[in-house]
Protein backbone atom coordinates (compact mmCIF):
# COMPACT_ATOMS: atom_id res chain seq x y z
CA MET A 1 137.89 63.96 191.20
CA ARG A 2 139.37 67.33 192.18
CA VAL A 3 143.10 67.73 192.80
CA ILE A 4 144.74 70.15 195.26
CA LEU A 5 148.44 70.81 194.74
CA LEU A 6 150.16 72.07 197.88
CA SER A 7 152.91 74.59 197.13
CA GLY A 8 154.71 75.95 200.17
CA GLY A 9 157.93 75.75 202.13
CA SER A 10 161.15 77.70 201.94
CA GLY A 11 163.38 74.83 200.81
CA LYS A 12 166.30 75.93 202.99
CA ARG A 13 168.03 72.58 202.36
CA LEU A 14 168.68 73.87 198.82
CA TRP A 15 170.12 77.21 199.96
CA PRO A 16 171.44 79.49 198.47
CA LEU A 17 169.29 78.94 195.35
CA SER A 18 166.12 78.58 197.41
CA ASN A 19 164.74 81.26 199.70
CA ASP A 20 161.40 82.33 201.23
CA SER A 21 159.99 83.41 197.85
CA ARG A 22 161.72 80.83 195.61
CA SER A 23 161.32 77.41 197.21
CA LYS A 24 162.94 74.24 195.88
CA GLN A 25 160.07 73.48 193.48
CA PHE A 26 160.90 76.59 191.43
CA LEU A 27 164.59 75.89 190.73
CA LYS A 28 165.15 75.30 187.00
CA VAL A 29 167.80 72.59 187.24
CA LEU A 30 166.04 69.62 185.58
CA LYS A 31 166.07 68.89 181.86
CA ASN A 32 162.90 67.80 180.06
CA ASP A 33 162.55 65.52 177.03
CA LYS A 34 163.12 68.47 174.67
CA GLY A 35 166.39 69.41 176.37
CA HIS A 36 165.00 72.54 178.03
CA MET A 37 165.60 73.34 181.68
CA GLU A 38 162.51 73.17 183.89
CA SER A 39 161.62 73.33 187.57
CA MET A 40 159.94 70.66 189.68
CA VAL A 41 156.62 72.51 189.56
CA GLN A 42 156.82 72.83 185.77
CA ARG A 43 157.59 69.12 185.49
CA VAL A 44 154.67 68.13 187.75
CA TRP A 45 152.23 70.44 185.96
CA ARG A 46 153.31 68.99 182.60
CA GLN A 47 152.67 65.47 183.93
CA ILE A 48 149.28 66.47 185.38
CA THR A 49 148.31 67.95 182.01
CA GLU A 50 149.43 64.81 180.16
CA ALA A 51 147.33 62.72 182.57
CA GLY A 52 144.25 64.84 181.77
CA LEU A 53 143.90 66.25 185.29
CA SER A 54 144.78 69.92 184.75
CA GLN A 55 141.19 71.14 184.35
CA SER A 56 140.23 69.80 187.78
CA THR A 57 143.33 71.01 189.66
CA VAL A 58 143.81 73.99 192.00
CA ILE A 59 147.02 75.13 193.68
CA ALA A 60 147.09 76.10 197.36
CA THR A 61 149.94 78.47 198.10
CA GLY A 62 151.07 81.54 200.05
CA LYS A 63 151.08 85.13 198.84
CA SER A 64 154.85 85.12 198.30
CA GLN A 65 154.62 82.34 195.66
CA VAL A 66 151.74 83.63 193.52
CA ASP A 67 153.93 85.62 191.12
CA ILE A 68 156.49 82.87 190.53
CA LEU A 69 153.74 80.29 189.94
CA GLN A 70 152.14 82.58 187.35
CA SER A 71 155.54 83.18 185.76
CA GLN A 72 156.59 79.52 185.52
CA LEU A 73 153.28 77.91 184.62
CA ASN A 74 152.08 80.77 182.42
CA CYS A 75 148.43 79.77 182.59
CA GLY A 76 145.26 80.66 184.46
CA ILE A 77 145.39 77.93 187.09
CA PRO A 78 142.95 78.60 189.95
CA MET A 79 144.89 79.45 193.12
CA VAL A 80 143.84 79.29 196.74
CA VAL A 81 146.01 81.93 198.41
CA GLU A 82 146.60 81.74 202.15
CA PRO A 83 146.37 85.11 203.95
CA GLU A 84 149.27 83.90 206.10
CA ARG A 85 151.45 80.78 206.27
CA ARG A 86 149.83 78.29 208.69
CA ASP A 87 150.82 74.69 207.68
CA THR A 88 148.92 72.09 205.62
CA PHE A 89 145.77 71.66 207.74
CA PRO A 90 144.59 75.29 207.30
CA ALA A 91 145.64 75.31 203.64
CA ILE A 92 143.57 72.22 202.84
CA LEU A 93 140.53 73.51 204.77
CA LEU A 94 140.70 76.79 202.85
CA SER A 95 140.98 74.85 199.57
CA ALA A 96 137.92 72.78 200.50
CA ALA A 97 135.93 75.96 201.14
CA TYR A 98 137.09 77.32 197.77
CA LEU A 99 136.02 74.18 195.90
CA TYR A 100 132.66 74.13 197.66
CA SER A 101 131.64 77.79 197.63
CA VAL A 102 133.48 79.21 194.57
CA VAL A 103 133.86 76.28 192.17
CA GLY A 104 130.56 74.69 193.22
CA ALA A 105 131.95 71.18 193.71
CA SER A 106 129.54 68.56 195.03
CA LEU A 107 129.92 67.41 198.63
CA ASP A 108 130.18 63.86 197.27
CA GLU A 109 133.20 64.67 195.10
CA THR A 110 136.55 63.07 195.88
CA ILE A 111 139.36 65.48 196.71
CA THR A 112 142.94 64.30 196.23
CA VAL A 113 145.81 66.26 197.76
CA LEU A 114 149.47 65.98 196.79
CA PRO A 115 152.69 68.01 197.09
CA VAL A 116 153.68 70.16 194.16
CA ASP A 117 157.19 68.70 193.85
CA PRO A 118 157.35 64.86 193.69
CA PHE A 119 159.90 63.54 191.19
CA VAL A 120 157.95 60.70 189.60
CA SER A 121 157.26 58.89 186.34
CA LYS A 122 153.99 59.28 184.42
CA GLU A 123 152.75 55.99 185.94
CA PHE A 124 152.42 57.81 189.26
CA PHE A 125 149.61 59.97 187.89
CA GLU A 126 147.89 56.99 186.30
CA GLN A 127 147.84 55.43 189.77
CA LEU A 128 146.62 58.72 191.20
CA LYS A 129 143.50 58.49 189.04
CA LYS A 130 142.53 55.32 190.94
CA MET A 131 142.28 57.16 194.27
CA GLU A 132 138.65 58.10 193.68
CA SER A 133 137.45 54.56 193.00
CA ILE A 134 139.53 53.18 195.90
CA LEU A 135 137.89 55.62 198.31
CA SER A 136 134.39 54.72 197.10
CA GLU A 137 134.99 50.96 196.94
CA SER A 138 136.53 50.76 200.41
CA THR A 139 134.06 53.24 202.03
CA ALA A 140 137.08 54.43 204.03
CA ASP A 141 137.30 57.88 205.61
CA LEU A 142 140.60 58.45 203.81
CA SER A 143 142.71 56.76 201.17
CA LEU A 144 146.46 57.19 200.85
CA MET A 145 149.02 56.40 198.20
CA GLY A 146 151.94 54.44 199.61
CA VAL A 147 155.29 54.05 197.85
CA LYS A 148 157.01 50.69 198.08
CA PRO A 149 160.37 51.44 199.80
CA THR A 150 163.60 50.79 197.92
CA TYR A 151 165.89 51.22 200.96
CA PRO A 152 165.52 51.81 204.75
CA SER A 153 165.18 55.60 204.62
CA THR A 154 165.20 57.62 207.83
CA LYS A 155 163.81 60.73 206.08
CA TYR A 156 160.26 59.54 205.33
CA GLY A 157 157.20 58.56 207.31
CA TYR A 158 155.95 54.96 206.98
CA ILE A 159 152.41 53.61 206.51
CA ILE A 160 151.95 50.36 208.44
CA PRO A 161 149.30 47.95 207.04
CA LYS A 162 147.10 45.90 209.34
CA LYS A 163 148.67 42.51 209.98
CA ASP A 164 145.47 40.59 209.31
CA SER A 165 144.60 42.74 206.31
CA LYS A 166 144.39 40.90 203.03
CA ARG A 167 144.75 42.89 199.86
CA GLU A 168 141.22 43.71 198.73
CA SER A 169 141.06 44.80 195.12
CA GLU A 170 144.01 47.19 194.90
CA TYR A 171 143.99 48.63 198.41
CA ILE A 172 145.16 47.56 201.88
CA HIS A 173 143.77 48.59 205.28
CA VAL A 174 146.07 50.79 207.38
CA SER A 175 147.01 50.06 210.99
CA HIS A 176 149.06 53.12 212.01
CA PHE A 177 151.94 55.42 211.03
CA ILE A 178 155.60 55.68 212.03
CA GLU A 179 157.37 59.01 211.49
CA LYS A 180 161.06 58.94 210.39
CA PRO A 181 162.38 55.82 212.16
CA ASP A 182 166.06 55.03 212.58
CA GLU A 183 167.66 52.80 209.94
CA LYS A 184 167.38 49.56 211.91
CA TYR A 185 163.68 50.08 212.62
CA ALA A 186 163.12 51.11 209.00
CA GLU A 187 164.57 47.77 207.89
CA HIS A 188 162.08 46.03 210.21
CA LEU A 189 159.18 48.07 208.82
CA ILE A 190 160.07 47.16 205.25
CA LYS A 191 159.99 43.48 206.21
CA GLU A 192 156.49 44.13 207.60
CA ASN A 193 155.46 45.41 204.12
CA ALA A 194 155.23 49.06 205.20
CA PHE A 195 155.06 51.86 202.64
CA TRP A 196 156.63 55.29 202.41
CA ASN A 197 154.09 58.06 203.01
CA CYS A 198 154.43 60.30 199.94
CA GLY A 199 151.87 62.85 201.12
CA VAL A 200 149.08 61.86 198.72
CA PHE A 201 145.60 61.31 200.19
CA SER A 202 141.94 61.43 199.17
CA PHE A 203 138.69 62.16 201.00
CA LYS A 204 135.16 63.26 200.25
CA LEU A 205 134.62 67.03 200.18
CA GLU A 206 131.73 66.58 202.62
CA TYR A 207 134.17 65.40 205.30
CA LEU A 208 136.13 68.67 205.40
CA ILE A 209 133.09 70.89 205.04
CA SER A 210 131.51 69.16 208.05
CA LEU A 211 134.83 69.54 209.89
CA LEU A 212 134.72 73.31 209.29
CA GLN A 213 131.21 73.37 210.73
CA GLU A 214 132.32 71.39 213.80
CA LEU A 215 135.08 73.98 214.35
CA ASN A 216 132.47 76.74 214.06
CA LEU A 217 134.29 78.16 211.04
CA PRO A 218 132.76 79.58 207.82
CA ILE A 219 132.35 77.19 204.89
CA HIS A 220 132.50 80.01 202.35
CA TYR A 221 135.92 80.87 200.96
CA GLU A 222 136.00 84.67 201.42
CA GLU A 223 134.59 84.47 204.94
CA LEU A 224 137.03 81.72 205.91
CA LYS A 225 139.95 83.83 204.65
CA LYS A 226 138.93 86.56 207.10
CA GLN A 227 138.99 84.05 209.97
CA TYR A 228 141.99 82.08 208.74
CA HIS A 229 143.93 82.84 211.94
CA ARG A 230 141.40 80.77 213.90
CA ILE A 231 142.29 77.50 212.17
CA PRO A 232 144.76 75.43 214.23
CA LYS A 233 148.28 75.86 212.88
CA ASN A 234 149.10 72.19 212.39
CA SER A 235 149.77 69.63 209.70
CA PHE A 236 146.88 67.75 208.07
CA ASP A 237 148.54 64.52 209.19
CA TYR A 238 148.38 65.57 212.86
CA GLU A 239 144.89 67.10 212.82
CA VAL A 240 143.15 64.53 210.60
CA VAL A 241 145.06 61.51 209.30
CA GLU A 242 146.44 60.24 212.62
CA LYS A 243 143.00 60.48 214.27
CA LEU A 244 141.04 58.48 211.70
CA ARG A 245 140.49 54.75 212.16
CA HIS A 246 139.26 53.63 208.73
CA ILE A 247 142.09 54.37 206.28
CA VAL A 248 143.23 52.41 203.24
CA VAL A 249 146.41 52.65 201.19
CA LEU A 250 146.87 52.24 197.45
CA PRO A 251 150.35 50.79 196.80
CA TYR A 252 152.59 52.40 194.18
CA ASP A 253 155.54 50.33 193.03
CA GLY A 254 156.96 52.85 190.54
CA TYR A 255 159.56 55.60 190.54
CA TRP A 256 159.23 58.22 193.29
CA LYS A 257 161.82 60.50 194.82
CA ASP A 258 161.87 63.54 197.07
CA LEU A 259 164.45 65.98 195.69
CA GLY A 260 164.68 67.98 198.89
CA THR A 261 168.46 68.02 199.38
CA TRP A 262 171.43 68.79 197.18
CA ASN A 263 172.64 65.18 197.14
CA THR A 264 169.26 63.83 195.94
CA LEU A 265 168.69 66.69 193.49
CA THR A 266 172.09 66.42 191.80
CA ASN A 267 171.48 62.69 191.24
CA GLU A 268 168.66 63.66 188.84
CA MET A 269 170.47 66.50 187.06
CA SER A 270 171.51 65.68 183.50
CA THR A 271 174.58 67.93 183.64
CA ASN A 272 177.30 68.58 186.20
CA GLN A 273 177.41 72.30 185.46
CA ILE A 274 174.82 75.06 185.12
CA GLY A 275 176.15 78.60 184.66
CA LYS A 276 179.61 80.13 184.24
CA GLY A 277 182.60 78.16 185.46
CA ILE A 278 185.18 75.49 184.83
CA MET A 279 185.87 72.19 186.61
CA CYS A 280 188.98 70.07 186.30
CA GLN A 281 188.54 66.41 185.34
CA ALA A 282 189.72 65.33 188.80
CA SER A 283 186.60 66.88 190.36
CA GLN A 284 184.59 63.67 190.14
CA ASN A 285 180.87 63.65 191.06
CA THR A 286 180.94 67.39 191.75
CA HIS A 287 178.17 69.71 190.60
CA LEU A 288 178.31 73.45 189.97
CA VAL A 289 175.15 75.57 189.85
CA ASN A 290 176.07 79.22 189.31
CA GLU A 291 173.44 81.97 188.87
CA LEU A 292 175.89 84.87 188.90
CA ASP A 293 177.59 86.39 185.86
CA ILE A 294 181.08 85.59 187.19
CA PRO A 295 183.09 82.40 186.56
CA VAL A 296 183.64 79.82 189.29
CA ALA A 297 186.69 77.55 189.08
CA ILE A 298 186.69 74.15 190.83
CA LEU A 299 189.96 72.28 191.21
CA GLY A 300 190.39 68.82 192.73
CA ILE A 301 187.18 68.74 194.79
CA THR A 302 185.20 65.50 194.59
CA ASN A 303 181.66 64.54 195.62
CA ALA A 304 180.70 68.17 196.28
CA ILE A 305 178.01 70.72 195.47
CA VAL A 306 179.04 74.28 194.69
CA ALA A 307 175.97 76.52 194.49
CA VAL A 308 176.23 80.25 193.81
CA SER A 309 173.37 82.75 193.79
CA PRO A 310 172.64 86.36 194.79
CA ASP A 311 171.64 84.95 198.21
CA GLY A 312 175.04 83.38 198.96
CA ILE A 313 177.57 80.66 198.17
CA LEU A 314 177.52 77.05 199.35
CA ILE A 315 180.45 74.64 199.12
CA ALA A 316 179.55 71.30 200.67
CA ASP A 317 180.30 67.62 200.59
CA LYS A 318 177.18 66.01 199.12
CA ASN A 319 176.75 63.59 201.99
CA SER A 320 176.82 66.52 204.44
CA SER A 321 174.63 68.83 202.33
CA PRO A 322 171.32 67.95 204.09
CA GLY A 323 172.70 69.82 207.12
CA VAL A 324 172.75 73.18 205.37
CA LYS A 325 169.33 74.15 206.80
CA SER A 326 170.57 74.09 210.41
CA LEU A 327 173.91 75.64 209.41
CA ILE A 328 172.31 78.82 207.99
CA GLU A 329 169.70 79.33 210.74
CA GLY A 330 171.49 82.50 211.84
CA ILE A 331 171.39 84.06 208.37
CA ASN A 332 168.37 86.37 208.21
CA GLN A 333 168.24 88.49 205.09
CA ARG A 334 165.70 89.50 202.49
CA PRO A 335 165.56 87.32 199.35
CA MET A 336 168.20 88.63 196.96
CA TYR A 337 166.54 87.12 193.89
CA GLU A 338 162.85 86.77 193.10
CA GLU A 339 160.94 85.60 190.05
CA ARG A 340 157.70 87.47 189.40
CA ARG A 341 154.75 87.14 186.99
CA TRP A 342 156.31 89.92 184.87
CA GLY A 343 159.98 88.88 185.10
CA TRP A 344 162.59 88.93 187.86
CA TYR A 345 164.82 91.07 190.04
CA LYS A 346 168.21 90.75 191.73
CA VAL A 347 169.33 92.81 194.71
CA LEU A 348 172.74 94.31 193.88
CA ASP A 349 173.41 96.33 197.02
CA TYR A 350 171.82 97.40 200.30
CA THR A 351 173.03 100.02 202.79
CA LYS A 352 171.48 101.35 206.00
CA TYR A 353 172.95 104.57 207.38
CA GLU A 354 173.21 105.71 211.00
CA ASN A 355 170.39 108.23 210.54
CA GLY A 356 168.03 105.36 209.58
CA GLU A 357 167.99 106.10 205.85
CA GLU A 358 168.24 103.07 203.56
CA VAL A 359 169.43 102.69 199.96
CA LEU A 360 168.63 99.54 197.94
CA THR A 361 169.82 98.84 194.40
CA LYS A 362 168.15 96.24 192.18
CA ARG A 363 168.55 94.99 188.63
CA ILE A 364 165.04 94.37 187.27
CA GLY A 365 164.06 92.40 184.15
CA VAL A 366 160.60 92.66 182.58
CA LYS A 367 159.56 90.15 179.90
CA ALA A 368 158.42 91.52 176.53
CA GLY A 369 154.68 92.19 176.64
CA SER A 370 154.54 92.17 180.45
CA ASN A 371 154.11 95.10 182.80
CA LEU A 372 154.49 96.16 186.40
CA SER A 373 151.32 97.22 188.20
CA TYR A 374 150.26 100.86 188.40
CA GLN A 375 151.50 101.52 191.92
CA ARG A 376 152.87 103.99 194.43
CA HIS A 377 155.07 103.88 197.53
CA GLU A 378 154.67 105.84 200.75
CA LYS A 379 158.14 105.32 202.24
CA ARG A 380 160.54 105.55 199.33
CA CYS A 381 161.44 107.36 196.13
CA GLU A 382 163.10 105.60 193.19
CA ILE A 383 165.41 106.29 190.27
CA TRP A 384 165.30 103.96 187.26
CA THR A 385 168.04 103.73 184.61
CA VAL A 386 167.10 101.69 181.53
CA ILE A 387 169.99 99.50 180.35
CA LYS A 388 168.29 97.17 177.85
CA GLY A 389 165.18 97.11 175.66
CA GLU A 390 162.36 99.56 175.10
CA GLY A 391 159.19 100.22 177.04
CA THR A 392 156.23 102.47 177.79
CA LEU A 393 156.28 104.34 181.09
CA ILE A 394 153.43 105.94 183.04
CA ILE A 395 154.11 108.46 185.82
CA ASN A 396 151.13 110.25 187.35
CA GLU A 397 149.00 109.54 184.25
CA LEU A 398 151.68 110.85 181.84
CA VAL A 399 152.61 108.23 179.20
CA GLN A 400 156.06 108.26 177.56
CA GLN A 401 158.52 105.95 175.80
CA VAL A 402 161.81 104.83 177.38
CA PHE A 403 165.01 103.46 175.81
CA PRO A 404 168.49 102.37 176.94
CA GLY A 405 169.97 105.38 178.75
CA SER A 406 166.60 106.77 179.88
CA ILE A 407 166.67 107.96 183.52
CA ILE A 408 163.35 108.16 185.36
CA GLU A 409 162.86 109.85 188.74
CA ILE A 410 159.86 108.56 190.71
CA PRO A 411 159.05 110.84 193.68
CA LEU A 412 157.56 109.61 196.93
CA GLY A 413 153.85 108.84 196.41
CA ALA A 414 153.93 109.08 192.61
CA ASN A 415 151.78 106.62 190.64
CA HIS A 416 153.93 104.71 188.16
CA ALA A 417 154.08 101.63 185.90
CA ILE A 418 156.11 100.32 182.98
CA LYS A 419 155.41 97.91 180.13
CA ALA A 420 158.17 96.14 178.20
CA GLU A 421 157.80 96.42 174.43
CA SER A 422 160.89 94.17 174.15
CA ASP A 423 162.77 92.36 176.93
CA LEU A 424 163.53 95.25 179.27
CA GLU A 425 166.09 95.69 182.02
CA PHE A 426 166.72 98.64 184.30
CA ILE A 427 168.63 99.51 187.46
CA GLU A 428 166.40 100.68 190.29
CA VAL A 429 167.80 102.67 193.21
CA GLN A 430 165.40 102.96 196.15
CA LYS A 431 165.90 105.55 198.88
CA GLY A 432 163.77 105.81 202.01
CA THR A 433 163.20 104.94 205.66
CA GLU A 434 161.77 101.43 205.29
CA LEU A 435 162.58 99.57 202.09
CA VAL A 436 160.25 96.58 202.17
CA GLU A 437 158.20 94.85 199.46
CA GLU A 438 155.02 95.53 201.45
CA ASP A 439 155.35 99.29 200.85
CA ILE A 440 153.22 99.21 197.73
CA TYR A 441 149.71 100.33 196.87
CA ARG A 442 148.45 98.92 193.56
CA LEU A 443 145.82 100.80 191.56
CA PHE A 444 145.68 98.48 188.51
CA LEU A 445 147.33 95.29 187.25
CA ASP A 446 145.96 95.31 183.69
CA TRP A 447 147.77 97.63 181.26
CA GLU A 448 144.67 98.54 179.25
CA GLU A 449 142.90 99.59 182.44
CA MET A 450 145.86 101.86 183.23
CA ILE A 451 145.76 103.52 179.81
CA THR A 452 141.97 104.03 180.04
CA TYR A 453 142.37 105.52 183.52
CA CYS A 454 145.05 107.93 182.29
CA LYS A 455 142.82 109.14 179.42
CA VAL A 456 139.88 109.68 181.79
CA VAL A 457 142.01 111.66 184.28
CA LYS A 458 143.48 113.84 181.50
CA SER A 459 140.06 114.60 180.04
């Protein structure tokens, strides 16, 4: 069995900690068994590894999440990278082409897809292992995992079993689906033995490869990437699941939770406070998550979430917190904090002048042993001031050492890179006409390749 982890979304319900590059699955607010803080994706990957499934797993994601996945998981997990964000149906088709044409998976292999961020116990992944045998035994087109509901939720979709369907082995035949019913109807569905749809499903690889052929699309990964825009921009549920007639569900009666809002997430946090601040004892059931280096004081506020990040500040009643996504629809700004494969950066200031010139100031941290790519920019110059640690700098093939207090001027179009010999931090001031992350041309990612290139050019 092959596993596809879907990592996407912007997680705006967890604003201001989540943004377009740091979705909810990357927030380090959960505590593991060793007492260390971890994100949802780190927790899920740890559980997948413990279940013995890591060697057969790929992650499907967008370009904006590649760096943070590499940073948090710190391993060579195969990634299927979407050329553009187009929903789950295109992402799964692209993953199928990758498994078939790059990995060499057999058309008869079972493919199981699941979100990257379920909050579950280890029993969930033991049940997941049964998906392959359930699909083969039932000869169904698709098998799903269904969670036994614990309350009449209006946030989840429901899987409705066939009324005359007797439980065969461990699976049940599916009649149809109901998407996010009201509470009264949800109560009725639970009485009818319906299950929550947790987004886990299995199928034979041959099914999706034949579907690509029916759509007159390439079945080879690199070719499909070039024609990715041709794939219908829809969910896998809409394009596939809802149209199939022979579907079975594997019940799961264990712990499962979607931590997609502040009220559900804080219920699973082991501490009421992360970051600088102080709360009075009267602030019952209130959580503070502060990513800034300034203290936050909370006095006499109960049942609230106070979240502080470079992207903004949220103060909300927990019961109202799911509405934050619609509340901030009018806020359109670049991500003010991003986690990268080499470290992180925070935006400190941004100014655009009447003549069109822009100035952007960042604080950048590079982990010891990591490096930025050898790169150049066509629309900006930069000035770096090292404030912590030591590193090796390359500018136009000239290699030099930098220390706290070092000031580096990087002219427009100059090739440059830096490697941290110890944890390194510097202030970067960008000046130009269009200060966007896309203004970058990378020559090399690997540091040894950069050094070899510099020696060749000098000689």
